């Protein structure tokens, strides 16, 4: 069985890896198991709530 780790990357970004001991969400869909790790910047000044509101506002503007 192939245990290759893949990192999803969007255009213009550099892939970042979370520490192996970081909490992970695991979801199995069909024969594929997805493991998502979360990383928070120590230098960020934006709260998670602020970020979600900003993302929703941007999404609405694109409609």
PDB file of N, CA and C in Angstrom:
ATOM      1  N   UNK A   1       0.837  -1.175   0.000  1.00  0.00           N
ATOM      2  CA  UNK A   1       0.000   0.000   0.000  1.00  0.00           C
ATOM      3  C   UNK A   1       0.886   1.245   0.000  1.00  0.00           C
ATOM      4  N   UNK A   2       0.547   2.223  -0.799  1.00  0.00           N
ATOM      5  CA  UNK A   2       1.325   3.441  -0.932  1.00  0.00           C
ATOM      6  C   UNK A   2       0.983   4.395   0.214  1.00  0.00           C
ATOM      7  N   UNK A   3       1.981   4.808   0.990  1.00  0.00           N
ATOM      8  CA  UNK A   3       1.752   5.721   2.114  1.00  0.00           C
ATOM      9  C   UNK A   3       2.381   7.079   1.838  1.00  0.00           C
ATOM     10  N   UNK A   4       2.397   7.468   0.566  1.00  0.00           N
ATOM     11  CA  UNK A   4       2.970   8.745   0.158  1.00  0.00           C
ATOM     12  C   UNK A   4       2.164   9.892   0.754  1.00  0.00           C
ATOM     13  N   UNK A   5       2.853  10.906   1.266  1.00  0.00           N
ATOM     14  CA  UNK A   5       2.190  12.085   1.801  1.00  0.00           C
ATOM     15  C   UNK A   5       2.141  13.139   0.717  1.00  0.00           C
ATOM     16  N   UNK A   6       0.965  13.678   0.478  1.00  0.00           N
ATOM     17  CA  UNK A   6       0.805  14.713  -0.533  1.00  0.00           C
ATOM     18  C   UNK A   6       0.428  16.013   0.150  1.00  0.00           C
ATOM     19  N   UNK A   7       0.940  17.117  -0.373  1.00  0.00           N
ATOM     20  CA  UNK A   7       0.620  18.438   0.147  1.00  0.00           C
ATOM     21  C   UNK A   7      -0.120  19.200  -0.933  1.00  0.00           C
ATOM     22  N   UNK A   8      -1.340  19.667  -0.612  1.00  0.00           N
ATOM     23  CA  UNK A   8      -2.102  20.456  -1.574  1.00  0.00           C
ATOM     24  C   UNK A   8      -1.533  21.864  -1.577  1.00  0.00           C
ATOM     25  N   UNK A   9      -1.384  22.413  -2.780  1.00  0.00           N
ATOM     26  CA  UNK A   9      -0.792  23.732  -2.919  1.00  0.00           C
ATOM     27  C   UNK A   9      -1.603  24.532  -3.919  1.00  0.00           C
ATOM     28  N   UNK A  10      -1.834  25.801  -3.603  1.00  0.00           N
ATOM     29  CA  UNK A  10      -2.515  26.678  -4.549  1.00  0.00           C
ATOM     30  C   UNK A  10      -1.476  27.561  -5.228  1.00  0.00           C
ATOM     31  N   UNK A  11      -1.844  28.130  -6.362  1.00  0.00           N
ATOM     32  CA  UNK A  11      -0.907  28.945  -7.132  1.00  0.00           C
ATOM     33  C   UNK A  11      -0.336  30.066  -6.285  1.00  0.00           C
ATOM     34  N   UNK A  12       0.963  30.250  -6.364  1.00  0.00           N
ATOM     35  CA  UNK A  12       1.614  31.357  -5.686  1.00  0.00           C
ATOM     36  C   UNK A  12       1.853  31.149  -4.201  1.00  0.00           C
ATOM     37  N   UNK A  13       1.686  29.926  -3.712  1.00  0.00           N
ATOM     38  CA  UNK A  13       1.932  29.679  -2.293  1.00  0.00           C
ATOM     39  C   UNK A  13       3.029  28.643  -2.120  1.00  0.00           C
ATOM     40  N   UNK A  14       3.597  28.639  -0.965  1.00  0.00           N
ATOM     41  CA  UNK A  14       4.599  27.646  -0.614  1.00  0.00           C
ATOM     42  C   UNK A  14       3.962  26.671   0.361  1.00  0.00           C
ATOM     43  N   UNK A  15       4.085  25.368   0.104  1.00  0.00           N
ATOM     44  CA  UNK A  15       3.454  24.421   1.024  1.00  0.00           C
ATOM     45  C   UNK A  15       4.086  24.501   2.413  1.00  0.00           C
ATOM     46  N   UNK A  16       3.247  24.469   3.424  1.00  0.00           N
ATOM     47  CA  UNK A  16       3.717  24.489   4.804  1.00  0.00           C
ATOM     48  C   UNK A  16       3.316  23.172   5.445  1.00  0.00           C
ATOM     49  N   UNK A  17       4.172  22.630   6.251  1.00  0.00           N
ATOM     50  CA  UNK A  17       3.877  21.364   6.910  1.00  0.00           C
ATOM     51  C   UNK A  17       3.652  21.608   8.388  1.00  0.00           C
ATOM     52  N   UNK A  18       2.562  21.045   8.893  1.00  0.00           N
ATOM     53  CA  UNK A  18       2.278  21.132  10.317  1.00  0.00           C
ATOM     54  C   UNK A  18       3.126  20.083  11.034  1.00  0.00           C
ATOM     55  N   UNK A  19       3.455  20.319  12.290  1.00  0.00           N
ATOM     56  CA  UNK A  19       4.196  19.309  13.041  1.00  0.00           C
ATOM     57  C   UNK A  19       3.409  18.003  13.097  1.00  0.00           C
ATOM     58  N   UNK A  20       4.120  16.898  13.119  1.00  0.00           N
ATOM     59  CA  UNK A  20       3.464  15.588  13.119  1.00  0.00           C
ATOM     60  C   UNK A  20       2.571  15.371  14.338  1.00  0.00           C
ATOM     61  N   UNK A  21       2.830  16.091  15.437  1.00  0.00           N
ATOM     62  CA  UNK A  21       2.014  15.920  16.640  1.00  0.00           C
ATOM     63  C   UNK A  21       0.821  16.874  16.672  1.00  0.00           C
ATOM     64  N   UNK A  22       0.634  17.673  15.598  1.00  0.00           N
ATOM     65  CA  UNK A  22      -0.504  18.597  15.535  1.00  0.00           C
ATOM     66  C   UNK A  22      -1.795  17.803  15.371  1.00  0.00           C
ATOM     67  N   UNK A  23      -2.902  18.294  15.929  1.00  0.00           N
ATOM     68  CA  UNK A  23      -4.177  17.597  15.771  1.00  0.00           C
ATOM     69  C   UNK A  23      -4.537  17.451  14.296  1.00  0.00           C
ATOM     70  N   UNK A  24      -5.184  16.348  13.970  1.00  0.00           N
ATOM     71  CA  UNK A  24      -5.542  16.099  12.571  1.00  0.00           C
ATOM     72  C   UNK A  24      -6.995  15.666  12.469  1.00  0.00           C
ATOM     73  N   UNK A  25      -7.617  16.061  11.384  1.00  0.00           N
ATOM     74  CA  UNK A  25      -8.947  15.574  11.046  1.00  0.00           C
ATOM     75  C   UNK A  25      -8.742  14.458  10.032  1.00  0.00           C
ATOM     76  N   UNK A  26      -9.357  13.314  10.252  1.00  0.00           N
ATOM     77  CA  UNK A  26      -9.200  12.184   9.348  1.00  0.00           C
ATOM     78  C   UNK A  26     -10.563  11.813   8.795  1.00  0.00           C
ATOM     79  N   UNK A  27     -10.656  11.707   7.481  1.00  0.00           N
ATOM     80  CA  UNK A  27     -11.919  11.363   6.818  1.00  0.00           C
ATOM     81  C   UNK A  27     -11.613  10.382   5.701  1.00  0.00           C
ATOM     82  N   UNK A  28     -12.334   9.281   5.688  1.00  0.00           N
ATOM     83  CA  UNK A  28     -12.160   8.288   4.638  1.00  0.00           C
ATOM     84  C   UNK A  28     -13.334   8.398   3.671  1.00  0.00           C
ATOM     85  N   UNK A  29     -13.021   8.606   2.402  1.00  0.00           N
ATOM     86  CA  UNK A  29     -14.027   8.673   1.348  1.00  0.00           C
ATOM     87  C   UNK A  29     -13.642   7.617   0.317  1.00  0.00           C
ATOM     88  N   UNK A  30     -14.460   6.595   0.222  1.00  0.00           N
ATOM     89  CA  UNK A  30     -14.135   5.483  -0.674  1.00  0.00           C
ATOM     90  C   UNK A  30     -12.878   4.797  -0.195  1.00  0.00           C
ATOM     91  N   UNK A  31     -11.907   4.639  -1.112  1.00  0.00           N
ATOM     92  CA  UNK A  31     -10.641   3.988  -0.757  1.00  0.00           C
ATOM     93  C   UNK A  31      -9.556   4.985  -0.380  1.00  0.00           C
ATOM     94  N   UNK A  32      -9.920   6.265  -0.317  1.00  0.00           N
ATOM     95  CA  UNK A  32      -8.944   7.312  -0.001  1.00  0.00           C
ATOM     96  C   UNK A  32      -9.175   7.845   1.401  1.00  0.00           C
ATOM     97  N   UNK A  33      -8.105   7.928   2.183  1.00  0.00           N
ATOM     98  CA  UNK A  33      -8.171   8.505   3.519  1.00  0.00           C
ATOM     99  C   UNK A  33      -7.485   9.866   3.483  1.00  0.00           C
ATOM    100  N   UNK A  34      -8.204  10.890   3.913  1.00  0.00           N
ATOM    101  CA  UNK A  34      -7.687  12.250   3.947  1.00  0.00           C
ATOM    102  C   UNK A  34      -7.330  12.602   5.387  1.00  0.00           C
ATOM    103  N   UNK A  35      -6.135  13.134   5.593  1.00  0.00           N
ATOM    104  CA  UNK A  35      -5.698  13.578   6.909  1.00  0.00           C
ATOM    105  C   UNK A  35      -5.354  15.062   6.779  1.00  0.00           C
ATOM    106  N   UNK A  36      -6.061  15.903   7.520  1.00  0.00           N
ATOM    107  CA  UNK A  36      -5.870  17.349   7.439  1.00  0.00           C
ATOM    108  C   UNK A  36      -5.331  17.835   8.771  1.00  0.00           C
ATOM    109  N   UNK A  37      -4.189  18.469   8.725  1.00  0.00           N
ATOM    110  CA  UNK A  37      -3.596  19.048   9.930  1.00  0.00           C
ATOM    111  C   UNK A  37      -3.774  20.558   9.879  1.00  0.00           C
ATOM    112  N   UNK A  38      -3.921  21.167  11.028  1.00  0.00           N
ATOM    113  CA  UNK A  38      -4.170  22.596  11.127  1.00  0.00           C
ATOM    114  C   UNK A  38      -2.928  23.275  11.694  1.00  0.00           C
ATOM    115  N   UNK A  39      -2.600  24.425  11.128  1.00  0.00           N
ATOM    116  CA  UNK A  39      -1.452  25.199  11.601  1.00  0.00           C
ATOM    117  C   UNK A  39      -1.889  26.638  11.811  1.00  0.00           C
ATOM    118  N   UNK A  40      -1.523  27.209  12.932  1.00  0.00           N
ATOM    119  CA  UNK A  40      -1.823  28.601  13.227  1.00  0.00           C
ATOM    120  C   UNK A  40      -0.518  29.360  13.374  1.00  0.00           C
ATOM    121  N   UNK A  41      -0.458  30.532  12.788  1.00  0.00           N
ATOM    122  CA  UNK A  41       0.737  31.364  12.872  1.00  0.00           C
ATOM    123  C   UNK A  41       0.850  31.981  14.262  1.00  0.00           C
ATOM    124  N   UNK A  42       2.037  31.964  14.799  1.00  0.00           N
ATOM    125  CA  UNK A  42       2.280  32.599  16.101  1.00  0.00           C
ATOM    126  C   UNK A  42       2.338  34.112  15.986  1.00  0.00           C
ATOM    127  N   UNK A  43       2.512  34.623  14.774  1.00  0.00           N
ATOM    128  CA  UNK A  43       2.649  36.061  14.575  1.00  0.00           C
ATOM    129  C   UNK A  43       1.379  36.712  14.023  1.00  0.00           C
ATOM    130  N   UNK A  44       0.328  35.947  13.844  1.00  0.00           N
ATOM    131  CA  UNK A  44      -0.908  36.478  13.283  1.00  0.00           C
ATOM    132  C   UNK A  44      -1.572  37.448  14.250  1.00  0.00           C
ATOM    133  N   UNK A  45      -2.172  38.492  13.681  1.00  0.00           N
ATOM    134  CA  UNK A  45      -2.900  39.461  14.499  1.00  0.00           C
ATOM    135  C   UNK A  45      -4.406  39.342  14.294  1.00  0.00           C
ATOM    136  N   UNK A  46      -4.830  38.487  13.380  1.00  0.00           N
ATOM    137  CA  UNK A  46      -6.244  38.299  13.059  1.00  0.00           C
ATOM    138  C   UNK A  46      -6.784  37.085  13.823  1.00  0.00           C
ATOM    139  N   UNK A  47      -7.941  37.247  14.470  1.00  0.00           N
ATOM    140  CA  UNK A  47      -8.547  36.115  15.177  1.00  0.00           C
ATOM    141  C   UNK A  47      -9.198  35.172  14.174  1.00  0.00           C
ATOM    142  N   UNK A  48      -9.478  33.954  14.594  1.00  0.00           N
ATOM    143  CA  UNK A  48     -10.140  32.988  13.720  1.00  0.00           C
ATOM    144  C   UNK A  48     -11.514  33.514  13.309  1.00  0.00           C
ATOM    145  N   UNK A  49     -12.225  34.117  14.230  1.00  0.00           N
ATOM    146  CA  UNK A  49     -13.537  34.686  13.931  1.00  0.00           C
ATOM    147  C   UNK A  49     -13.427  35.778  12.868  1.00  0.00           C
ATOM    148  N   UNK A  50     -12.439  36.657  13.017  1.00  0.00           N
ATOM    149  CA  UNK A  50     -12.224  37.716  12.031  1.00  0.00           C
ATOM    150  C   UNK A  50     -11.902  37.130  10.655  1.00  0.00           C
ATOM    151  N   UNK A  51     -11.088  36.104  10.633  1.00  0.00           N
ATOM    152  CA  UNK A  51     -10.697  35.478   9.370  1.00  0.00           C
ATOM    153  C   UNK A  51     -11.906  34.864   8.670  1.00  0.00           C
ATOM    154  N   UNK A  52     -12.745  34.152   9.417  1.00  0.00           N
ATOM    155  CA  UNK A  52     -13.938  33.533   8.823  1.00  0.00           C
ATOM    156  C   UNK A  52     -14.879  34.600   8.283  1.00  0.00           C
ATOM    157  N   UNK A  53     -15.082  35.672   9.051  1.00  0.00           N
ATOM    158  CA  UNK A  53     -15.940  36.765   8.579  1.00  0.00           C
ATOM    159  C   UNK A  53     -15.385  37.378   7.297  1.00  0.00           C
ATOM    160  N   UNK A  54     -14.062  37.590   7.252  1.00  0.00           N
ATOM    161  CA  UNK A  54     -13.422  38.171   6.062  1.00  0.00           C
ATOM    162  C   UNK A  54     -13.584  37.249   4.857  1.00  0.00           C
ATOM    163  N   UNK A  55     -13.395  35.950   5.064  1.00  0.00           N
ATOM    164  CA  UNK A  55     -13.526  34.998   3.968  1.00  0.00           C
ATOM    165  C   UNK A  55     -14.966  34.946   3.442  1.00  0.00           C
ATOM    166  N   UNK A  56     -15.947  34.964   4.352  1.00  0.00           N
ATOM    167  CA  UNK A  56     -17.352  34.963   3.934  1.00  0.00           C
ATOM    168  C   UNK A  56     -17.696  36.240   3.173  1.00  0.00           C
ATOM    169  N   UNK A  57     -17.206  37.370   3.662  1.00  0.00           N
ATOM    170  CA  UNK A  57     -17.467  38.644   2.986  1.00  0.00           C
ATOM    171  C   UNK A  57     -16.875  38.624   1.575  1.00  0.00           C
ATOM    172  N   UNK A  58     -15.648  38.121   1.416  1.00  0.00           N
ATOM    173  CA  UNK A  58     -15.022  38.024   0.094  1.00  0.00           C
ATOM    174  C   UNK A  58     -15.786  37.083  -0.821  1.00  0.00           C
ATOM    175  N   UNK A  59     -16.274  35.997  -0.268  1.00  0.00           N
ATOM    176  CA  UNK A  59     -17.046  35.020  -1.051  1.00  0.00           C
ATOM    177  C   UNK A  59     -18.338  35.645  -1.574  1.00  0.00           C
ATOM    178  N   UNK A  60     -19.015  36.397  -0.729  1.00  0.00           N
ATOM    179  CA  UNK A  60     -20.272  37.050  -1.123  1.00  0.00           C
ATOM    180  C   UNK A  60     -20.008  38.076  -2.224  1.00  0.00           C
ATOM    181  N   UNK A  61     -18.909  38.819  -2.113  1.00  0.00           N
ATOM    182  CA  UNK A  61     -18.560  39.830  -3.104  1.00  0.00           C
ATOM    183  C   UNK A  61     -18.267  39.219  -4.473  1.00  0.00           C
ATOM    184  N   UNK A  62     -17.806  37.972  -4.499  1.00  0.00           N
ATOM    185  CA  UNK A  62     -17.478  37.308  -5.755  1.00  0.00           C
ATOM    186  C   UNK A  62     -18.708  36.769  -6.469  1.00  0.00           C
ATOM    187  N   UNK A  63     -19.842  36.750  -5.807  1.00  0.00           N
ATOM    188  CA  UNK A  63     -21.068  36.206  -6.399  1.00  0.00           C
ATOM    189  C   UNK A  63     -21.702  37.167  -7.364  1.00  0.00           C
TER     190      UNK A  63
END
